C-alpha atoms as a PDB file:
ATOM      1  CA  UNK A   1      35.994   7.647  -0.275  1.00  0.00           C
ATOM      2  CA  UNK A   2      32.576   7.589   1.339  1.00  0.00           C
ATOM      3  CA  UNK A   3      29.352   9.019  -0.135  1.00  0.00           C
ATOM      4  CA  UNK A   4      25.856   9.431   1.092  1.00  0.00           C
ATOM      5  CA  UNK A   5      23.008   9.667  -1.305  1.00  0.00           C
ATOM      6  CA  UNK A   6      19.657  11.123  -0.187  1.00  0.00           C
ATOM      7  CA  UNK A   7      16.270  11.274  -1.877  1.00  0.00           C
ATOM      8  CA  UNK A   8      13.627  11.538   0.755  1.00  0.00           C
ATOM      9  CA  UNK A   9      10.750  11.698  -1.744  1.00  0.00           C
ATOM     10  CA  UNK A  10       7.961   9.308  -0.607  1.00  0.00           C
ATOM     11  CA  UNK A  11       5.597   8.558  -3.555  1.00  0.00           C
ATOM     12  CA  UNK A  12       2.656   7.666  -1.332  1.00  0.00           C
ATOM     13  CA  UNK A  13       2.460  10.817   0.789  1.00  0.00           C
ATOM     14  CA  UNK A  14       1.117  14.295   0.455  1.00  0.00           C
ATOM     15  CA  UNK A  15      -2.187  15.845  -0.498  1.00  0.00           C
ATOM     16  CA  UNK A  16      -3.395  12.783  -2.278  1.00  0.00           C
ATOM     17  CA  UNK A  17      -3.252  10.595   0.796  1.00  0.00           C
ATOM     18  CA  UNK A  18      -4.508  13.534   3.024  1.00  0.00           C
ATOM     19  CA  UNK A  19      -7.547  13.831   0.833  1.00  0.00           C
ATOM     20  CA  UNK A  20      -8.268  10.032   0.845  1.00  0.00           C
ATOM     21  CA  UNK A  21      -7.780   9.753   4.375  1.00  0.00           C
ATOM     22  CA  UNK A  22     -10.141  12.747   5.183  1.00  0.00           C
ATOM     23  CA  UNK A  23     -12.856  11.356   2.831  1.00  0.00           C
ATOM     24  CA  UNK A  24     -12.445   7.805   4.407  1.00  0.00           C
ATOM     25  CA  UNK A  25     -12.764   9.218   7.979  1.00  0.00           C
ATOM     26  CA  UNK A  26     -15.777  11.393   7.185  1.00  0.00           C
ATOM     27  CA  UNK A  27     -17.701   8.673   5.306  1.00  0.00           C
ATOM     28  CA  UNK A  28     -17.002   5.925   8.055  1.00  0.00           C
ATOM     29  CA  UNK A  29     -17.652   8.203  10.903  1.00  0.00           C
ATOM     30  CA  UNK A  30     -21.071   9.159   9.252  1.00  0.00           C
ATOM     31  CA  UNK A  31     -21.811   5.414   8.734  1.00  0.00           C
ATOM     32  CA  UNK A  32     -20.987   4.709  12.510  1.00  0.00           C
ATOM     33  CA  UNK A  33     -23.590   7.375  13.473  1.00  0.00           C
ATOM     34  CA  UNK A  34     -26.215   5.942  10.923  1.00  0.00           C
ATOM     35  CA  UNK A  35     -25.578   2.409  12.345  1.00  0.00           C
ATOM     36  CA  UNK A  36     -25.753   3.549  15.968  1.00  0.00           C
ATOM     37  CA  UNK A  37     -29.058   5.555  15.204  1.00  0.00           C
ATOM     38  CA  UNK A  38     -30.846   2.650  13.318  1.00  0.00           C
ATOM     39  CA  UNK A  39     -29.554   0.101  15.972  1.00  0.00           C
ATOM     40  CA  UNK A  40     -31.399   2.083  18.706  1.00  0.00           C
ATOM     41  CA  UNK A  41     -34.527   2.480  16.552  1.00  0.00           C
ATOM     42  CA  UNK A  42     -34.718  -1.069  15.534  1.00  0.00           C
ATOM     43  CA  UNK A  43     -33.482  -2.478  18.801  1.00  0.00           C
ATOM     44  CA  UNK A  44     -30.712  -4.282  17.124  1.00  0.00           C
ATOM     45  CA  UNK A  45     -27.759  -5.147  19.269  1.00  0.00           C
ATOM     46  CA  UNK A  46     -26.110  -6.466  16.168  1.00  0.00           C
ATOM     47  CA  UNK A  47     -26.212  -3.038  14.569  1.00  0.00           C
ATOM     48  CA  UNK A  48     -24.937  -1.357  17.624  1.00  0.00           C
ATOM     49  CA  UNK A  49     -22.074  -3.994  17.909  1.00  0.00           C
ATOM     50  CA  UNK A  50     -21.127  -3.391  14.198  1.00  0.00           C
ATOM     51  CA  UNK A  51     -21.151   0.417  14.816  1.00  0.00           C
ATOM     52  CA  UNK A  52     -18.578  -0.186  17.488  1.00  0.00           C
ATOM     53  CA  UNK A  53     -16.489  -2.261  15.185  1.00  0.00           C
ATOM     54  CA  UNK A  54     -16.593   0.441  12.508  1.00  0.00           C
ATOM     55  CA  UNK A  55     -15.587   3.002  15.025  1.00  0.00           C
ATOM     56  CA  UNK A  56     -12.398   0.947  15.598  1.00  0.00           C
ATOM     57  CA  UNK A  57     -11.886   1.148  11.813  1.00  0.00           C
ATOM     58  CA  UNK A  58     -12.088   4.917  11.917  1.00  0.00           C
ATOM     59  CA  UNK A  59      -9.416   4.636  14.567  1.00  0.00           C
ATOM     60  CA  UNK A  60      -7.349   2.644  12.210  1.00  0.00           C
ATOM     61  CA  UNK A  61      -7.670   5.048   9.463  1.00  0.00           C
ATOM     62  CA  UNK A  62      -6.530   7.890  11.862  1.00  0.00           C
ATOM     63  CA  UNK A  63      -3.687   5.846  13.025  1.00  0.00           C
ATOM     64  CA  UNK A  64      -2.487   5.325   9.302  1.00  0.00           C
ATOM     65  CA  UNK A  65      -3.211   9.041   8.535  1.00  0.00           C
ATOM     66  CA  UNK A  66      -1.370  10.170  11.599  1.00  0.00           C
ATOM     67  CA  UNK A  67       1.728   7.974  10.802  1.00  0.00           C
ATOM     68  CA  UNK A  68       1.807   9.261   7.227  1.00  0.00           C
ATOM     69  CA  UNK A  69       1.669  12.786   8.570  1.00  0.00           C
ATOM     70  CA  UNK A  70       4.560  12.168  10.952  1.00  0.00           C
ATOM     71  CA  UNK A  71       6.588  10.532   8.131  1.00  0.00           C
ATOM     72  CA  UNK A  72       6.567  13.877   6.332  1.00  0.00           C
ATOM     73  CA  UNK A  73       7.979  15.929   9.255  1.00  0.00           C
ATOM     74  CA  UNK A  74      11.523  16.953   8.546  1.00  0.00           C
ATOM     75  CA  UNK A  75      14.464  15.586  10.584  1.00  0.00           C
ATOM     76  CA  UNK A  76      15.510  17.387  13.785  1.00  0.00           C
ATOM     77  CA  UNK A  77      18.550  17.476  16.015  1.00  0.00           C
ATOM     78  CA  UNK A  78      16.989  14.785  18.131  1.00  0.00           C
ATOM     79  CA  UNK A  79      15.362  12.723  15.515  1.00  0.00           C
ATOM     80  CA  UNK A  80      17.945  12.934  12.773  1.00  0.00           C
ATOM     81  CA  UNK A  81      16.065  10.270  10.535  1.00  0.00           C
ATOM     82  CA  UNK A  82      12.774  12.072  11.161  1.00  0.00           C
ATOM     83  CA  UNK A  83       9.623  10.122  12.032  1.00  0.00           C
ATOM     84  CA  UNK A  84       9.334   8.103   8.904  1.00  0.00           C
ATOM     85  CA  UNK A  85       9.549   4.644  10.801  1.00  0.00           C
ATOM     86  CA  UNK A  86       6.128   5.524  12.421  1.00  0.00           C
ATOM     87  CA  UNK A  87       4.466   4.257   9.305  1.00  0.00           C
ATOM     88  CA  UNK A  88       6.062   0.777  10.230  1.00  0.00           C
ATOM     89  CA  UNK A  89       4.470   0.699  13.645  1.00  0.00           C
ATOM     90  CA  UNK A  90       1.227   1.938  12.379  1.00  0.00           C
ATOM     91  CA  UNK A  91       1.082  -0.900   9.708  1.00  0.00           C
ATOM     92  CA  UNK A  92       1.761  -3.337  12.567  1.00  0.00           C
ATOM     93  CA  UNK A  93      -0.916  -1.997  14.754  1.00  0.00           C
ATOM     94  CA  UNK A  94      -3.461  -1.955  11.903  1.00  0.00           C
ATOM     95  CA  UNK A  95      -2.548  -5.610  11.294  1.00  0.00           C
ATOM     96  CA  UNK A  96      -2.970  -6.624  14.935  1.00  0.00           C
ATOM     97  CA  UNK A  97      -6.433  -4.747  15.090  1.00  0.00           C
ATOM     98  CA  UNK A  98      -7.540  -6.591  12.011  1.00  0.00           C
ATOM     99  CA  UNK A  99      -6.413 -10.120  13.526  1.00  0.00           C
ATOM    100  CA  UNK A 100      -8.116  -9.201  16.683  1.00  0.00           C
ATOM    101  CA  UNK A 101     -11.415  -8.223  14.836  1.00  0.00           C
ATOM    102  CA  UNK A 102     -11.198 -11.747  13.127  1.00  0.00           C
ATOM    103  CA  UNK A 103     -10.914 -13.366  16.478  1.00  0.00           C
ATOM    104  CA  UNK A 104     -14.019 -11.581  17.591  1.00  0.00           C
ATOM    105  CA  UNK A 105     -15.788 -12.739  14.371  1.00  0.00           C
ATOM    106  CA  UNK A 106     -14.894 -16.292  14.990  1.00  0.00           C
ATOM    107  CA  UNK A 107     -15.952 -16.125  18.687  1.00  0.00           C
ATOM    108  CA  UNK A 108     -19.318 -14.550  17.665  1.00  0.00           C
ATOM    109  CA  UNK A 109     -19.792 -17.220  14.902  1.00  0.00           C
ATOM    110  CA  UNK A 110     -19.177 -20.095  17.437  1.00  0.00           C
ATOM    111  CA  UNK A 111     -21.775 -18.656  19.676  1.00  0.00           C
ATOM    112  CA  UNK A 112     -24.263 -18.469  16.781  1.00  0.00           C
ATOM    113  CA  UNK A 113     -23.648 -22.054  15.891  1.00  0.00           C
ATOM    114  CA  UNK A 114     -24.521 -23.226  19.596  1.00  0.00           C
ATOM    115  CA  UNK A 115     -27.260 -20.496  20.096  1.00  0.00           C
ATOM    116  CA  UNK A 116     -28.640 -19.287  16.558  1.00  0.00           C
ATOM    117  CA  UNK A 117     -29.959 -15.867  16.355  1.00  0.00           C
ATOM    118  CA  UNK A 118     -32.654 -14.681  14.051  1.00  0.00           C
ATOM    119  CA  UNK A 119     -31.500 -12.004  11.446  1.00  0.00           C
ATOM    120  CA  UNK A 120     -32.596  -8.502  12.599  1.00  0.00           C
ATOM    121  CA  UNK A 121     -34.562  -7.978   9.512  1.00  0.00           C
ATOM    122  CA  UNK A 122     -34.675  -5.859   6.447  1.00  0.00           C
ATOM    123  CA  UNK A 123     -33.330  -2.931   8.390  1.00  0.00           C
ATOM    124  CA  UNK A 124     -30.138  -4.706   9.158  1.00  0.00           C
ATOM    125  CA  UNK A 125     -29.802  -5.791   5.563  1.00  0.00           C
ATOM    126  CA  UNK A 126     -30.187  -2.366   4.286  1.00  0.00           C
ATOM    127  CA  UNK A 127     -27.859  -0.737   6.585  1.00  0.00           C
ATOM    128  CA  UNK A 128     -25.248  -3.362   5.867  1.00  0.00           C
ATOM    129  CA  UNK A 129     -25.508  -2.739   2.141  1.00  0.00           C
ATOM    130  CA  UNK A 130     -24.902   0.982   2.745  1.00  0.00           C
ATOM    131  CA  UNK A 131     -21.845  -0.281   4.674  1.00  0.00           C
ATOM    132  CA  UNK A 132     -20.688  -2.195   1.523  1.00  0.00           C
ATOM    133  CA  UNK A 133     -21.028   0.902  -0.579  1.00  0.00           C
ATOM    134  CA  UNK A 134     -19.132   3.139   1.922  1.00  0.00           C
ATOM    135  CA  UNK A 135     -16.370   0.787   2.776  1.00  0.00           C
ATOM    136  CA  UNK A 136     -15.744  -0.243  -0.937  1.00  0.00           C
ATOM    137  CA  UNK A 137     -15.590   3.485  -1.986  1.00  0.00           C
ATOM    138  CA  UNK A 138     -12.949   4.136   0.950  1.00  0.00           C
ATOM    139  CA  UNK A 139     -11.027   0.994  -0.017  1.00  0.00           C
ATOM    140  CA  UNK A 140     -10.769   2.133  -3.679  1.00  0.00           C
ATOM    141  CA  UNK A 141      -9.185   5.475  -2.432  1.00  0.00           C
ATOM    142  CA  UNK A 142      -6.125   3.489  -1.091  1.00  0.00           C
ATOM    143  CA  UNK A 143      -5.576   1.122  -4.026  1.00  0.00           C
ATOM    144  CA  UNK A 144      -2.808   3.135  -5.415  1.00  0.00           C
ATOM    145  CA  UNK A 145      -0.774   2.884  -2.273  1.00  0.00           C
ATOM    146  CA  UNK A 146      -0.579  -0.960  -2.328  1.00  0.00           C
ATOM    147  CA  UNK A 147       3.264  -0.931  -2.101  1.00  0.00           C
ATOM    148  CA  UNK A 148       3.130   1.014   1.157  1.00  0.00           C
ATOM    149  CA  UNK A 149       2.315  -1.190   4.005  1.00  0.00           C
ATOM    150  CA  UNK A 150       0.857   1.539   6.190  1.00  0.00           C
ATOM    151  CA  UNK A 151      -1.548   2.680   3.414  1.00  0.00           C
ATOM    152  CA  UNK A 152      -2.221  -1.096   2.528  1.00  0.00           C
ATOM    153  CA  UNK A 153      -3.239  -1.461   6.097  1.00  0.00           C
ATOM    154  CA  UNK A 154      -5.969   1.289   5.830  1.00  0.00           C
ATOM    155  CA  UNK A 155      -7.057  -0.440   2.508  1.00  0.00           C
ATOM    156  CA  UNK A 156      -7.269  -3.906   4.250  1.00  0.00           C
ATOM    157  CA  UNK A 157      -9.364  -2.333   6.996  1.00  0.00           C
ATOM    158  CA  UNK A 158     -11.859  -0.963   4.587  1.00  0.00           C
ATOM    159  CA  UNK A 159     -11.838  -4.090   2.298  1.00  0.00           C
ATOM    160  CA  UNK A 160     -12.381  -6.350   5.238  1.00  0.00           C
ATOM    161  CA  UNK A 161     -15.307  -4.244   6.351  1.00  0.00           C
ATOM    162  CA  UNK A 162     -16.838  -4.193   2.862  1.00  0.00           C
ATOM    163  CA  UNK A 163     -16.620  -8.009   2.908  1.00  0.00           C
ATOM    164  CA  UNK A 164     -18.173  -8.342   6.305  1.00  0.00           C
ATOM    165  CA  UNK A 165     -21.006  -6.019   5.317  1.00  0.00           C
ATOM    166  CA  UNK A 166     -21.619  -7.854   2.135  1.00  0.00           C
ATOM    167  CA  UNK A 167     -21.674 -11.160   4.075  1.00  0.00           C
ATOM    168  CA  UNK A 168     -24.384  -9.798   6.313  1.00  0.00           C
ATOM    169  CA  UNK A 169     -26.442  -8.839   3.219  1.00  0.00           C
ATOM    170  CA  UNK A 170     -26.015 -12.143   1.458  1.00  0.00           C
ATOM    171  CA  UNK A 171     -26.604 -14.086   4.753  1.00  0.00           C
ATOM    172  CA  UNK A 172     -29.587 -12.150   5.663  1.00  0.00           C
ATOM    173  CA  UNK A 173     -31.295 -12.459   2.261  1.00  0.00           C
ATOM    174  CA  UNK A 174     -30.600 -16.200   2.205  1.00  0.00           C
ATOM    175  CA  UNK A 175     -31.870 -16.750   5.795  1.00  0.00           C
ATOM    176  CA  UNK A 176     -35.036 -14.521   4.894  1.00  0.00           C
ATOM    177  CA  UNK A 177     -35.772 -17.162   2.074  1.00  0.00           C
ATOM    178  CA  UNK A 178     -34.670 -20.286   3.684  1.00  0.00           C
ATOM    179  CA  UNK A 179     -35.005 -19.806   7.470  1.00  0.00           C
ATOM    180  CA  UNK A 180     -31.687 -21.478   8.028  1.00  0.00           C
ATOM    181  CA  UNK A 181     -30.008 -19.439  10.828  1.00  0.00           C
ATOM    182  CA  UNK A 182     -26.720 -21.438  10.491  1.00  0.00           C
ATOM    183  CA  UNK A 183     -26.115 -19.722   7.312  1.00  0.00           C
ATOM    184  CA  UNK A 184     -25.057 -16.449   9.058  1.00  0.00           C
ATOM    185  CA  UNK A 185     -22.140 -17.996  11.169  1.00  0.00           C
ATOM    186  CA  UNK A 186     -20.914 -20.081   8.131  1.00  0.00           C
ATOM    187  CA  UNK A 187     -20.734 -16.921   6.006  1.00  0.00           C
ATOM    188  CA  UNK A 188     -18.993 -15.020   8.840  1.00  0.00           C
ATOM    189  CA  UNK A 189     -16.383 -17.643   9.305  1.00  0.00           C
ATOM    190  CA  UNK A 190     -15.666 -17.855   5.498  1.00  0.00           C
ATOM    191  CA  UNK A 191     -15.259 -14.065   5.393  1.00  0.00           C
ATOM    192  CA  UNK A 192     -12.936 -14.196   8.311  1.00  0.00           C
ATOM    193  CA  UNK A 193     -10.652 -16.697   6.869  1.00  0.00           C
ATOM    194  CA  UNK A 194     -10.289 -14.719   3.650  1.00  0.00           C
ATOM    195  CA  UNK A 195      -9.397 -11.448   5.836  1.00  0.00           C
ATOM    196  CA  UNK A 196      -6.840 -13.475   7.982  1.00  0.00           C
ATOM    197  CA  UNK A 197      -5.128 -14.625   4.598  1.00  0.00           C
ATOM    198  CA  UNK A 198      -4.931 -11.040   3.402  1.00  0.00           C
ATOM    199  CA  UNK A 199      -3.864  -9.602   6.828  1.00  0.00           C
ATOM    200  CA  UNK A 200      -1.300 -12.232   7.586  1.00  0.00           C
ATOM    201  CA  UNK A 201       0.996 -10.780   4.826  1.00  0.00           C
ATOM    202  CA  UNK A 202       0.697  -7.329   6.275  1.00  0.00           C
ATOM    203  CA  UNK A 203       1.453  -8.444   9.746  1.00  0.00           C
ATOM    204  CA  UNK A 204       4.538 -10.423   8.641  1.00  0.00           C
ATOM    205  CA  UNK A 205       5.718  -7.660   6.516  1.00  0.00           C
ATOM    206  CA  UNK A 206       5.275  -5.057   9.234  1.00  0.00           C
ATOM    207  CA  UNK A 207       7.182  -7.248  11.812  1.00  0.00           C
ATOM    208  CA  UNK A 208      10.032  -7.726   9.299  1.00  0.00           C
ATOM    209  CA  UNK A 209      10.201  -3.985   8.818  1.00  0.00           C
ATOM    210  CA  UNK A 210      10.288  -3.354  12.565  1.00  0.00           C
ATOM    211  CA  UNK A 211      13.109  -5.760  12.858  1.00  0.00           C
ATOM    212  CA  UNK A 212      15.166  -4.181   9.912  1.00  0.00           C
ATOM    213  CA  UNK A 213      14.751  -7.032   7.557  1.00  0.00           C
ATOM    214  CA  UNK A 214      15.267  -6.454   3.911  1.00  0.00           C
ATOM    215  CA  UNK A 215      12.135  -4.877   2.657  1.00  0.00           C
ATOM    216  CA  UNK A 216       9.692  -6.953   0.640  1.00  0.00           C
ATOM    217  CA  UNK A 217      10.372  -6.819  -3.178  1.00  0.00           C
ATOM    218  CA  UNK A 218      14.123  -6.401  -2.877  1.00  0.00           C
ATOM    219  CA  UNK A 219      16.199  -9.528  -3.744  1.00  0.00           C
ATOM    220  CA  UNK A 220      19.200  -9.399  -1.713  1.00  0.00           C
ATOM    221  CA  UNK A 221      21.168 -11.859  -3.723  1.00  0.00           C
ATOM    222  CA  UNK A 222      20.419 -10.093  -7.010  1.00  0.00           C
ATOM    223  CA  UNK A 223      21.360  -6.680  -5.414  1.00  0.00           C
ATOM    224  CA  UNK A 224      24.709  -8.133  -4.100  1.00  0.00           C
ATOM    225  CA  UNK A 225      25.391  -9.623  -7.513  1.00  0.00           C
ATOM    226  CA  UNK A 226      24.611  -6.392  -9.337  1.00  0.00           C
ATOM    227  CA  UNK A 227      27.072  -4.506  -7.072  1.00  0.00           C
ATOM    228  CA  UNK A 228      29.830  -7.103  -7.352  1.00  0.00           C
ATOM    229  CA  UNK A 229      29.546  -7.025 -11.204  1.00  0.00           C
ATOM    230  CA  UNK A 230      30.303  -3.424 -11.361  1.00  0.00           C
ATOM    231  CA  UNK A 231      33.619  -2.660 -13.317  1.00  0.00           C
ATOM    232  CA  UNK A 232      36.460  -2.309 -10.881  1.00  0.00           C
ATOM    233  CA  UNK A 233      34.635  -3.913  -7.837  1.00  0.00           C
ATOM    234  CA  UNK A 234      36.580  -6.914  -6.474  1.00  0.00           C
ATOM    235  CA  UNK A 235      34.412  -7.713  -3.576  1.00  0.00           C
ATOM    236  CA  UNK A 236      31.568  -6.227  -1.228  1.00  0.00           C
ATOM    237  CA  UNK A 237      31.008  -6.594   2.485  1.00  0.00           C
ATOM    238  CA  UNK A 238      29.014  -4.998   5.323  1.00  0.00           C
ATOM    239  CA  UNK A 239      25.967  -4.893   3.047  1.00  0.00           C
ATOM    240  CA  UNK A 240      22.922  -3.799   4.994  1.00  0.00           C
ATOM    241  CA  UNK A 241      19.432  -2.999   3.612  1.00  0.00           C
ATOM    242  CA  UNK A 242      16.378  -2.052   5.656  1.00  0.00           C
ATOM    243  CA  UNK A 243      13.281  -0.067   5.733  1.00  0.00           C
ATOM    244  CA  UNK A 244      13.393   3.585   6.517  1.00  0.00           C
ATOM    245  CA  UNK A 245       9.595   3.682   6.398  1.00  0.00           C
ATOM    246  CA  UNK A 246       6.892   1.533   4.629  1.00  0.00           C
ATOM    247  CA  UNK A 247       7.847   2.911   1.473  1.00  0.00           C
ATOM    248  CA  UNK A 248      11.553   3.736   1.551  1.00  0.00           C
ATOM    249  CA  UNK A 249      14.617   1.523   1.810  1.00  0.00           C
ATOM    250  CA  UNK A 250      18.124   2.524   3.075  1.00  0.00           C
ATOM    251  CA  UNK A 251      21.372   0.797   2.280  1.00  0.00           C
ATOM    252  CA  UNK A 252      24.949   0.768   3.495  1.00  0.00           C
ATOM    253  CA  UNK A 253      27.949  -1.186   1.876  1.00  0.00           C
ATOM    254  CA  UNK A 254      31.537  -1.210   1.500  1.00  0.00           C
ATOM    255  CA  UNK A 255      33.117  -1.729  -1.968  1.00  0.00           C
ATOM    256  CA  UNK A 256      36.490  -3.154  -2.482  1.00  0.00           C
ATOM    257  CA  UNK A 257      37.905  -1.887  -5.731  1.00  0.00           C
ATOM    258  CA  UNK A 258      41.191  -2.274  -7.729  1.00  0.00           C
ATOM    259  CA  UNK A 259      43.600   0.503  -7.461  1.00  0.00           C
ATOM    260  CA  UNK A 260      43.161   1.359 -11.136  1.00  0.00           C
ATOM    261  CA  UNK A 261      39.436   1.878 -10.643  1.00  0.00           C
ATOM    262  CA  UNK A 262      38.131   5.517 -10.476  1.00  0.00           C
ATOM    263  CA  UNK A 263      36.256   5.703  -7.121  1.00  0.00           C
ATOM    264  CA  UNK A 264      33.951   8.475  -8.439  1.00  0.00           C
ATOM    265  CA  UNK A 265      32.893   6.359 -11.434  1.00  0.00           C
ATOM    266  CA  UNK A 266      32.285   3.239  -9.172  1.00  0.00           C
ATOM    267  CA  UNK A 267      30.113   5.406  -6.790  1.00  0.00           C
ATOM    268  CA  UNK A 268      28.157   6.767  -9.741  1.00  0.00           C
ATOM    269  CA  UNK A 269      27.640   3.246 -11.235  1.00  0.00           C
ATOM    270  CA  UNK A 270      26.601   1.767  -7.898  1.00  0.00           C
ATOM    271  CA  UNK A 271      24.083   4.577  -7.104  1.00  0.00           C
ATOM    272  CA  UNK A 272      22.657   4.263 -10.556  1.00  0.00           C
ATOM    273  CA  UNK A 273      21.987   0.489 -10.482  1.00  0.00           C
ATOM    274  CA  UNK A 274      20.522   0.797  -6.943  1.00  0.00           C
ATOM    275  CA  UNK A 275      18.158   3.593  -8.085  1.00  0.00           C
ATOM    276  CA  UNK A 276      17.062   2.079 -11.325  1.00  0.00           C
ATOM    277  CA  UNK A 277      17.044  -1.709 -10.486  1.00  0.00           C
ATOM    278  CA  UNK A 278      16.215  -1.565  -6.913  1.00  0.00           C
ATOM    279  CA  UNK A 279      14.442   1.772  -6.239  1.00  0.00           C
ATOM    280  CA  UNK A 280      16.875   2.479  -3.322  1.00  0.00           C
ATOM    281  CA  UNK A 281      18.022   6.103  -3.272  1.00  0.00           C
ATOM    282  CA  UNK A 282      18.989   6.459   0.304  1.00  0.00           C
ATOM    283  CA  UNK A 283      22.451   4.913   0.383  1.00  0.00           C
ATOM    284  CA  UNK A 284      25.832   5.146   2.110  1.00  0.00           C
ATOM    285  CA  UNK A 285      28.784   3.630   0.060  1.00  0.00           C
ATOM    286  CA  UNK A 286      32.315   3.254   1.108  1.00  0.00           C
ATOM    287  CA  UNK A 287      34.986   2.584  -1.262  1.00  0.00           C
ATOM    288  CA  UNK A 288      38.050   0.638  -0.074  1.00  0.00           C
ATOM    289  CA  UNK A 289      41.290  -0.363  -1.712  1.00  0.00           C
ATOM    290  CA  UNK A 290      41.178  -4.176  -2.550  1.00  0.00           C
ATOM    291  CA  UNK A 291      44.974  -4.323  -2.895  1.00  0.00           C
ATOM    292  CA  UNK A 292      46.641  -2.433  -0.039  1.00  0.00           C
ATOM    293  CA  UNK A 293      50.312  -2.701   0.512  1.00  0.00           C
ATOM    294  CA  UNK A 294      51.659  -5.618   2.740  1.00  0.00           C
ATOM    295  CA  UNK A 295      48.577  -7.507   1.903  1.00  0.00           C
ATOM    296  CA  UNK A 296      46.815  -6.054   4.909  1.00  0.00           C
ATOM    297  CA  UNK A 297      43.138  -5.713   4.452  1.00  0.00           C
ATOM    298  CA  UNK A 298      42.112  -1.981   4.188  1.00  0.00           C
ATOM    299  CA  UNK A 299      39.481  -0.916   6.806  1.00  0.00           C
ATOM    300  CA  UNK A 300      39.969   2.876   6.025  1.00  0.00           C
ATOM    301  CA  UNK A 301      38.150   4.467   3.030  1.00  0.00           C
ATOM    302  CA  UNK A 302      39.956   6.474   0.369  1.00  0.00           C
END
């Protein structure tokens, strides 16, 4: 007996994410325009450069939004799984973009150590403070999606920008009062290190998901033990668990049961424990006879 269980409901998609993404894109695109305008008015290359950086964050939001939209598209004759795995690749690209941005911050900080540059003045501090507010508000929109690597990538982008902008504000104020230009690169490096720590986890998780590793939060040993302990189950094999998307897990397994066990009850019990204890609802379970005649291992399902 072989049974497939399907529950394609994704808890982190739909109108809620669409609304959050739309608000985030509009707010950050508006901030990019403000930074560019004030950068031209004040003659600040730093503001113009940061405007370009924030434009890449809008791209990151659009990337996450597009992947979330594709994940909701129904399966087709060609893409029988649908396009849900696009969220995995979007999470990976967002993590790469963040790490590249951190490399840019480190490079700029090093140059400022060797060739200190004066702070652009109150205008830069005020604009950076606006960036703190906008990026923080945008990040808050994605807090509820922390268990979805794709949404978490968007959150980390906004949280990182909020931290960078806050660093500009703090460093700018301290430099204005002390005249110590080295404060700026020191604060930048400190913020960069915090961002790398937060981003590295997303990067590793997205790579693991792309390679069909067991999704984060699922203890494969506990899962195997739970299935093995089901009444009537003698052994299990060919157990595979992987991410169908950044918020969904899939599973296939063969359960060898005694001849007196009721296959339908074993299937029901297996699906129940997978759903309740491990939040896995897309499963394919094959029941096999553990005691076939002549002692030959059964490879065919009931």
